[in-house]
Amino acid sequence: MELPELQALLTAEGLRLLDTMPPVDSADDVARAVTRLRRDGHSPDLVSAVVGQARLRTRGRAKFGDLAERMLFTRAGLEQATRLPVAARHAARFREAGFGRVADLGCGIGGDALGLAGLGLRVTAVDADEVTAGIAAYNLAPFGADAEVRLGTAEDADLTGVDAVWLDPARRTPGHSETSRTRPGDWSPSLDWVFDLARRLPVGVKLGPGLDRALIPDDVEAQWVSADGSTIELVLWSRALARPGVRRAALVIRGDQAHEVTAETDAADEPARELGAFLHEPDGAVIRARLIGDVARTLEAGMLDEHIAYLTSDAALTSPFVSTFRVREVLPADEKVLGKALRERDIGRLEIKKRGVDVDPAALRTRLKLRGSASATLLLTRIGARRTAILADRV
């Protein structure tokens, strides 16, 4: 969305038209909606804005639920926005620390600011892009004076009276639709500026989960977050927002449930052992936080290979921090022999997972040409230098 489209949308006619739009999801839905609105005499800018927003609202339900129906988005802003349940958890940490006023620097479309304001905190939201700031102001309007949006950069923001800061540095090229990732040296604000602020004020910083761990300061809490199986972010918490004795944390969210494992430092791995009755795949947040060893000990498990993030055990135990599979058997890793073995077992629905091997699961599934009625999981990995195919069932 560009500024003329936003200006056309933020009128009584534009908002009324948007609110009457049916769900727009597919390309066919878009074509039908554009044809109908143009036939009714609406301007090109308004048609583009309304149809684009209707489609983004449909997609936005995955992150914002029913609230998406009263929000505005840019495509890039929606892709980069924090999911509302995760934003609420961020906000809870500020509230539990006793803070009342928080600055959200680099607020985007306002996802995290919605979480903060929704828990009763006063928010000053700042973004350097005029369109994005305008959309954030619309999304935060129901909170009135408790949620102020300013146009400007994080570096120039007036933090007078602010208790703590939430930061989401721009890690992609500017734009409202197609953007690409940039290197840490090109982020805005820079990590050096962010970390300097974090030494002076309580700060939460949202970063990509794959951040080079060598860049993480020693005096912050690093919390990796996954939601429904995807590792979505790394949050660094400083000063009063960092929990005493916690420097590494993995927060695993599945549906409405959240579970966390924390530690003072990286956990030592358990030794490798022979494949047992169960195989466990640690959640991505646990792997990123390097807390596999702590999770392994709760499962009475060891590493399948010291270089591969699979655990194995004989104990019938599982946890929210792993996906657990009951091992059926080890099959030949050779593709032709493997396909024959799977067909003999009447397996037609096959989930394929892999670690430490160069395999495209979708392409392999096609080549296996399975037609059976049974289902199973195939885990492809290596133990030492040996490629291994493990047939299993999800627990």
Protein backbone atom coordinates (compact mmCIF):
# COMPACT_ATOMS: atom_id res chain seq x y z
CA MET A 1 0.00 0.00 0.00
CA GLU A 2 1.26 3.47 -0.91
CA LEU A 3 0.21 6.81 0.57
CA PRO A 4 -2.51 7.67 -2.02
CA GLU A 5 -4.16 4.30 -1.39
CA LEU A 6 -4.07 4.82 2.37
CA GLN A 7 -5.53 8.31 1.99
CA ALA A 8 -8.34 6.91 -0.17
CA LEU A 9 -8.99 4.15 2.35
CA LEU A 10 -9.06 6.38 5.44
CA THR A 11 -12.31 8.06 4.44
CA ALA A 12 -15.85 7.28 5.48
CA GLU A 13 -16.51 5.79 2.04
CA GLY A 14 -13.34 3.71 2.05
CA LEU A 15 -13.76 2.23 5.52
CA ARG A 16 -17.46 1.55 4.98
CA LEU A 17 -16.66 -0.23 1.72
CA LEU A 18 -13.92 -2.27 3.37
CA ASP A 19 -16.20 -3.37 6.19
CA THR A 20 -18.75 -4.71 3.70
CA MET A 21 -16.21 -6.79 1.79
CA PRO A 22 -16.55 -10.60 1.90
CA PRO A 23 -13.40 -12.65 2.60
CA VAL A 24 -10.86 -12.29 -0.22
CA ASP A 25 -8.30 -15.06 -0.41
CA SER A 26 -7.64 -16.47 -3.87
CA ALA A 27 -6.65 -14.73 -7.10
CA ASP A 28 -10.16 -15.41 -8.39
CA ASP A 29 -11.64 -13.65 -5.34
CA VAL A 30 -9.42 -10.64 -6.07
CA ALA A 31 -10.42 -10.49 -9.73
CA ARG A 32 -14.14 -10.68 -8.92
CA ALA A 33 -13.86 -7.99 -6.23
CA VAL A 34 -11.89 -5.60 -8.46
CA THR A 35 -14.35 -6.05 -11.33
CA ARG A 36 -17.37 -5.42 -9.08
CA LEU A 37 -15.90 -2.31 -7.39
CA ARG A 38 -14.71 -0.77 -10.64
CA ARG A 39 -18.14 -1.41 -12.19
CA ASP A 40 -19.68 0.44 -9.23
CA GLY A 41 -17.59 3.50 -10.13
CA HIS A 42 -14.97 3.53 -7.35
CA SER A 43 -11.56 5.09 -8.05
CA PRO A 44 -8.55 2.88 -8.89
CA ASP A 45 -6.72 3.89 -5.68
CA LEU A 46 -9.73 3.04 -3.53
CA VAL A 47 -10.36 -0.28 -5.30
CA SER A 48 -6.72 -1.28 -4.93
CA ALA A 49 -6.68 -0.32 -1.25
CA VAL A 50 -9.97 -1.99 -0.34
CA VAL A 51 -9.30 -5.25 -2.15
CA GLY A 52 -5.74 -5.42 -0.84
CA GLN A 53 -6.90 -4.83 2.73
CA ALA A 54 -9.70 -7.40 2.43
CA ARG A 55 -7.15 -9.99 1.36
CA LEU A 56 -4.71 -9.03 4.12
CA ARG A 57 -7.47 -9.19 6.74
CA THR A 58 -8.19 -12.76 5.65
CA ARG A 59 -4.53 -13.66 6.02
CA GLY A 60 -4.20 -11.65 9.22
CA ARG A 61 -6.56 -13.96 11.11
CA ALA A 62 -3.68 -16.42 11.52
CA LYS A 63 -1.81 -13.88 13.66
CA PHE A 64 -4.55 -11.67 15.07
CA GLY A 65 -7.69 -13.84 15.14
CA ASP A 66 -10.98 -11.97 15.01
CA LEU A 67 -9.18 -8.68 15.70
CA ALA A 68 -7.85 -8.75 12.12
CA GLU A 69 -11.35 -7.82 10.92
CA ARG A 70 -10.94 -4.29 12.28
CA MET A 71 -7.23 -3.80 11.49
CA LEU A 72 -5.31 -2.39 8.54
CA PHE A 73 -2.09 -3.92 7.19
CA THR A 74 0.69 -3.71 4.67
CA ARG A 75 1.84 -7.02 3.25
CA ALA A 76 5.35 -6.60 4.63
CA GLY A 77 3.97 -5.36 7.95
CA LEU A 78 1.75 -8.41 8.37
CA GLU A 79 4.57 -10.80 7.51
CA GLN A 80 6.86 -9.20 10.07
CA ALA A 81 4.28 -8.56 12.80
CA THR A 82 4.34 -10.45 16.08
CA ARG A 83 1.43 -12.84 16.57
CA LEU A 84 -1.01 -11.31 19.04
CA PRO A 85 -0.77 -14.14 21.66
CA VAL A 86 3.03 -13.79 21.59
CA ALA A 87 2.79 -10.00 21.81
CA ALA A 88 0.58 -10.41 24.89
CA ARG A 89 3.29 -12.52 26.53
CA HIS A 90 5.87 -9.85 25.76
CA ALA A 91 3.57 -7.23 27.26
CA ALA A 92 3.03 -9.31 30.38
CA ARG A 93 6.74 -9.18 31.13
CA PHE A 94 6.65 -5.35 31.13
CA ARG A 95 3.57 -5.31 33.34
CA GLU A 96 4.99 -7.87 35.78
CA ALA A 97 8.15 -5.75 36.08
CA GLY A 98 5.94 -2.90 37.29
CA PHE A 99 6.31 -0.61 34.28
CA GLY A 100 3.46 1.65 33.22
CA ARG A 101 4.70 3.44 30.10
CA VAL A 102 6.56 1.70 27.29
CA ALA A 103 8.02 3.03 24.04
CA ASP A 104 7.66 0.70 21.05
CA LEU A 105 10.43 1.80 18.67
CA GLY A 106 9.97 0.45 15.17
CA CYS A 107 6.34 -0.41 15.88
CA GLY A 108 5.42 -1.53 12.35
CA ILE A 109 1.67 -1.99 12.01
CA GLY A 110 1.40 -2.03 15.82
CA GLY A 111 1.24 -5.74 16.70
CA ASP A 112 3.35 -5.52 19.86
CA ALA A 113 1.87 -2.15 20.79
CA LEU A 114 -1.58 -3.79 20.68
CA GLY A 115 -0.35 -6.36 23.19
CA LEU A 116 1.04 -3.66 25.48
CA ALA A 117 -2.04 -1.45 25.31
CA GLY A 118 -4.32 -4.45 25.71
CA LEU A 119 -2.75 -5.15 29.11
CA GLY A 120 -3.33 -1.59 30.28
CA LEU A 121 0.12 -0.13 29.59
CA ARG A 122 0.53 3.31 28.07
CA VAL A 123 2.36 3.07 24.75
CA THR A 124 4.32 5.50 22.66
CA ALA A 125 4.73 3.79 19.27
CA VAL A 126 7.27 5.12 16.77
CA ASP A 127 7.87 4.22 13.13
CA ALA A 128 9.92 5.95 10.45
CA ASP A 129 7.59 5.07 7.55
CA GLU A 130 4.62 7.39 7.00
CA VAL A 131 2.23 4.74 5.68
CA THR A 132 3.16 2.21 8.35
CA ALA A 133 2.81 4.79 11.13
CA GLY A 134 -0.60 5.77 9.76
CA ILE A 135 -1.75 2.16 9.81
CA ALA A 136 -0.42 1.69 13.35
CA ALA A 137 -2.36 4.79 14.43
CA TYR A 138 -5.55 3.32 12.99
CA ASN A 139 -4.97 -0.06 14.66
CA LEU A 140 -4.27 1.55 18.04
CA ALA A 141 -7.06 4.16 17.87
CA PRO A 142 -9.43 2.21 20.20
CA PHE A 143 -6.99 2.82 23.07
CA GLY A 144 -7.26 6.59 22.75
CA ALA A 145 -4.65 8.68 24.57
CA ASP A 146 -3.06 5.59 26.10
CA ALA A 147 -1.57 4.63 22.71
CA GLU A 148 0.18 7.46 20.88
CA VAL A 149 1.83 6.94 17.47
CA ARG A 150 4.68 9.17 16.31
CA LEU A 151 6.43 9.38 12.95
CA GLY A 152 10.19 9.25 13.39
CA THR A 153 13.26 7.08 13.92
CA ALA A 154 14.09 5.08 17.00
CA GLU A 155 17.32 7.01 17.45
CA ASP A 156 15.49 10.37 17.57
CA ALA A 157 12.58 9.26 19.76
CA ASP A 158 11.94 11.30 22.89
CA LEU A 159 12.03 8.82 25.78
CA THR A 160 11.21 11.34 28.50
CA GLY A 161 8.93 9.66 31.05
CA VAL A 162 9.30 6.23 29.46
CA ASP A 163 9.87 3.35 31.89
CA ALA A 164 11.05 0.73 29.39
CA VAL A 165 11.47 0.15 25.67
CA TRP A 166 10.41 -2.50 23.17
CA LEU A 167 12.52 -2.59 20.01
CA ASP A 168 12.06 -4.36 16.71
CA PRO A 169 14.97 -3.24 14.50
CA ALA A 170 14.24 -3.16 10.77
CA ARG A 171 16.04 -6.22 9.42
CA ARG A 172 14.70 -6.04 5.86
CA THR A 173 14.90 -3.56 3.02
CA PRO A 174 12.32 -0.74 3.14
CA GLY A 175 8.96 -1.30 1.46
CA HIS A 176 5.33 -2.24 1.98
CA SER A 177 5.26 -5.46 -0.09
CA GLU A 178 8.37 -7.23 -1.39
CA THR A 179 11.34 -6.89 0.95
CA SER A 180 14.55 -8.84 1.50
CA ARG A 181 16.70 -9.61 4.52
CA THR A 182 19.69 -7.42 5.31
CA ARG A 183 22.88 -8.06 7.27
CA PRO A 184 23.14 -6.99 10.94
CA GLY A 185 25.39 -4.11 9.94
CA ASP A 186 22.54 -2.64 7.87
CA TRP A 187 19.77 -2.96 10.48
CA SER A 188 17.96 0.15 11.65
CA PRO A 189 18.59 1.03 14.39
CA SER A 190 21.97 -0.67 14.52
CA LEU A 191 22.65 -3.41 17.07
CA ASP A 192 25.35 -1.24 18.65
CA TRP A 193 22.78 1.49 19.27
CA VAL A 194 20.24 -1.04 20.55
CA PHE A 195 22.68 -2.66 22.97
CA ASP A 196 23.85 0.73 24.24
CA LEU A 197 20.23 1.64 25.02
CA ALA A 198 19.73 -1.76 26.69
CA ARG A 199 22.56 -1.01 29.10
CA ARG A 200 20.83 2.22 30.14
CA LEU A 201 17.14 1.22 30.17
CA PRO A 202 15.08 -1.95 30.58
CA VAL A 203 14.70 -3.10 26.97
CA GLY A 204 13.14 -6.02 25.11
CA VAL A 205 14.55 -6.56 21.61
CA LYS A 206 12.87 -8.74 18.99
CA LEU A 207 15.38 -10.34 16.59
CA GLY A 208 15.49 -13.24 14.17
CA PRO A 209 16.00 -16.65 15.84
CA GLY A 210 19.07 -17.35 13.73
CA LEU A 211 21.06 -14.38 15.09
CA ASP A 212 24.77 -15.17 15.48
CA ARG A 213 25.07 -16.03 19.16
CA ALA A 214 28.44 -14.28 19.33
CA LEU A 215 26.52 -10.98 18.99
CA ILE A 216 24.42 -11.59 22.13
CA PRO A 217 25.70 -9.53 25.10
CA ASP A 218 26.61 -11.47 28.25
CA ASP A 219 24.36 -9.41 30.52
CA VAL A 220 20.98 -10.06 28.86
CA GLU A 221 18.45 -12.88 28.92
CA ALA A 222 18.14 -14.55 25.51
CA GLN A 223 14.71 -16.13 24.97
CA TRP A 224 13.98 -18.13 21.80
CA VAL A 225 10.28 -18.46 20.98
CA SER A 226 8.50 -21.07 18.88
CA ALA A 227 4.81 -21.17 18.00
CA ASP A 228 3.06 -24.30 16.73
CA GLY A 229 6.30 -25.89 15.61
CA SER A 230 7.98 -22.86 13.99
CA THR A 231 10.81 -21.00 15.71
CA ILE A 232 9.70 -17.42 15.16
CA GLU A 233 11.96 -15.07 17.10
CA LEU A 234 14.70 -14.37 19.59
CA VAL A 235 13.97 -11.80 22.29
CA LEU A 236 16.75 -10.23 24.33
CA TRP A 237 15.70 -8.79 27.70
CA SER A 238 17.87 -6.34 29.63
CA ARG A 239 18.07 -4.95 33.15
CA ALA A 240 14.82 -5.36 35.14
CA LEU A 241 13.14 -7.23 32.27
CA ALA A 242 15.72 -10.03 32.49
CA ARG A 243 14.86 -12.70 35.05
CA PRO A 244 17.41 -13.35 37.80
CA GLY A 245 19.57 -16.38 37.06
CA VAL A 246 18.18 -16.82 33.52
CA ARG A 247 20.41 -16.26 30.52
CA ARG A 248 18.98 -18.90 28.18
CA ALA A 249 15.29 -19.70 27.68
CA ALA A 250 13.15 -21.62 25.19
CA LEU A 251 9.46 -20.67 25.15
CA VAL A 252 7.34 -23.23 23.30
CA ILE A 253 3.78 -22.21 22.43
CA ARG A 254 1.34 -24.78 21.08
CA GLY A 255 -2.17 -23.51 20.61
CA ASP A 256 -3.26 -21.89 23.87
CA GLN A 257 -0.60 -23.65 25.93
CA ALA A 258 2.88 -22.31 26.65
CA HIS A 259 5.83 -24.12 28.24
CA GLU A 260 9.31 -22.85 29.00
CA VAL A 261 12.68 -24.28 29.89
CA THR A 262 15.27 -21.88 31.32
CA ALA A 263 18.89 -22.06 32.41
CA GLU A 264 21.77 -19.90 33.59
CA THR A 265 23.90 -20.96 30.62
CA ASP A 266 23.99 -23.36 27.68
CA ALA A 267 23.22 -26.91 28.81
CA ALA A 268 25.80 -29.67 28.44
CA ASP A 269 24.64 -32.38 26.03
CA GLU A 270 24.01 -35.94 27.12
CA PRO A 271 26.35 -38.55 25.61
CA ALA A 272 25.36 -40.38 22.43
CA ARG A 273 23.76 -43.80 22.86
CA GLU A 274 22.30 -46.59 20.75
CA LEU A 275 18.87 -46.12 19.19
CA GLY A 276 16.23 -47.03 21.75
CA ALA A 277 12.48 -47.57 21.71
CA PHE A 278 11.77 -43.85 21.26
CA LEU A 279 13.21 -41.04 19.20
CA HIS A 280 12.68 -37.40 20.20
CA GLU A 281 12.99 -34.33 18.00
CA PRO A 282 13.67 -31.22 20.15
CA ASP A 283 11.67 -28.10 19.40
CA GLY A 284 13.56 -25.51 17.37
CA ALA A 285 13.56 -23.03 20.27
CA VAL A 286 15.22 -25.63 22.50
CA ILE A 287 17.86 -26.28 19.85
CA ARG A 288 18.55 -22.57 19.32
CA ALA A 289 18.79 -21.99 23.08
CA ARG A 290 21.19 -24.94 23.38
CA LEU A 291 19.12 -26.53 26.12
CA ILE A 292 18.88 -29.96 24.49
CA GLY A 293 20.86 -31.55 27.31
CA ASP A 294 18.46 -30.33 30.01
CA VAL A 295 15.48 -31.64 28.05
CA ALA A 296 17.27 -34.95 27.41
CA ARG A 297 17.78 -35.51 31.13
CA THR A 298 14.06 -35.08 31.83
CA LEU A 299 13.38 -37.79 29.23
CA GLU A 300 16.14 -40.13 30.44
CA ALA A 301 17.45 -39.81 26.89
CA GLY A 302 20.78 -39.44 25.14
CA MET A 303 21.91 -38.04 21.81
CA LEU A 304 21.41 -40.27 18.79
CA ASP A 305 24.61 -38.74 17.42
CA GLU A 306 26.70 -36.08 19.13
CA HIS A 307 26.35 -33.78 16.09
CA ILE A 308 22.65 -34.34 15.33
CA ALA A 309 19.72 -32.84 17.28
CA TYR A 310 17.82 -36.10 17.78
CA LEU A 311 17.43 -37.76 21.16
CA THR A 312 16.70 -41.39 21.89
CA SER A 313 15.52 -43.31 24.94
CA ASP A 314 13.80 -46.45 26.17
CA ALA A 315 11.70 -44.61 28.76
CA ALA A 316 8.07 -44.00 27.78
CA LEU A 317 8.37 -40.28 28.51
CA THR A 318 7.71 -37.18 26.42
CA SER A 319 7.46 -33.44 27.01
CA PRO A 320 6.20 -30.24 25.36
CA PHE A 321 9.77 -29.53 24.28
CA VAL A 322 10.04 -32.46 21.87
CA SER A 323 8.07 -34.37 19.28
CA THR A 324 8.23 -38.04 20.24
CA PHE A 325 8.18 -41.05 17.93
CA ARG A 326 7.91 -44.73 18.83
CA VAL A 327 10.50 -46.60 16.78
CA ARG A 328 9.21 -49.48 14.66
CA GLU A 329 12.41 -50.53 12.93
CA VAL A 330 15.49 -49.38 11.07
CA LEU A 331 15.16 -49.74 7.29
CA PRO A 332 17.80 -49.68 4.53
CA ALA A 333 18.71 -46.12 3.54
CA ASP A 334 19.05 -47.05 -0.13
CA GLU A 335 16.10 -45.40 -1.90
CA LYS A 336 15.01 -48.38 -4.04
CA VAL A 337 15.27 -50.84 -1.18
CA LEU A 338 13.54 -48.38 1.13
CA GLY A 339 10.62 -47.91 -1.27
CA LYS A 340 10.16 -51.66 -1.60
CA ALA A 341 10.19 -52.09 2.19
CA LEU A 342 7.57 -49.35 2.67
CA ARG A 343 5.27 -50.80 0.03
CA GLU A 344 5.55 -54.23 1.64
CA ARG A 345 4.32 -52.60 4.87
CA ASP A 346 1.31 -51.10 3.03
CA ILE A 347 2.41 -47.54 3.86
CA GLY A 348 0.82 -44.88 1.67
CA ARG A 349 0.82 -41.78 3.92
CA LEU A 350 4.38 -41.02 4.94
CA GLU A 351 5.66 -38.08 6.96
CA ILE A 352 9.35 -37.61 6.18
CA LYS A 353 11.68 -35.79 8.57
CA LYS A 354 15.42 -35.36 8.21
CA ARG A 355 18.49 -34.07 9.99
CA GLY A 356 22.08 -34.21 8.85
CA VAL A 357 21.32 -35.57 5.38
CA ASP A 358 20.80 -33.80 2.06
CA VAL A 359 17.29 -34.96 1.12
CA ASP A 360 14.24 -33.16 -0.26
CA PRO A 361 11.37 -34.90 1.59
CA ALA A 362 8.71 -33.85 -0.93
CA ALA A 363 10.74 -35.10 -3.91
CA LEU A 364 11.60 -38.34 -2.12
CA ARG A 365 7.96 -38.99 -1.27
CA THR A 366 7.07 -38.65 -4.95
CA ARG A 367 9.84 -41.01 -6.05
CA LEU A 368 8.83 -43.65 -3.51
CA LYS A 369 5.43 -44.04 -5.27
CA LEU A 370 3.61 -45.29 -2.18
CA ARG A 371 0.01 -46.50 -2.53
CA GLY A 372 -0.80 -48.26 0.73
CA SER A 373 -3.50 -47.59 3.33
CA ALA A 374 -1.27 -47.32 6.44
CA SER A 375 0.64 -44.27 7.71
CA ALA A 376 3.99 -43.77 9.41
CA THR A 377 6.86 -41.34 9.93
CA LEU A 378 10.26 -41.84 8.32
CA LEU A 379 13.20 -40.12 10.00
CA LEU A 380 16.29 -39.83 7.83
CA THR A 381 19.52 -38.99 9.59
CA ARG A 382 23.05 -40.19 10.07
CA ILE A 383 24.72 -41.88 13.00
CA GLY A 384 28.41 -41.27 12.70
CA ALA A 385 29.13 -41.61 8.97
CA ARG A 386 26.22 -44.02 8.37
CA ARG A 387 22.97 -42.85 6.78
CA THR A 388 20.02 -44.25 8.71
CA ALA A 389 16.31 -44.57 7.92
CA ILE A 390 14.10 -45.01 10.99
CA LEU A 391 10.46 -46.00 10.58
CA ALA A 392 8.35 -44.74 13.49
CA ASP A 393 4.96 -43.57 14.71
CA ARG A 394 4.20 -40.23 16.33
CA VAL A 395 3.36 -40.46 20.02
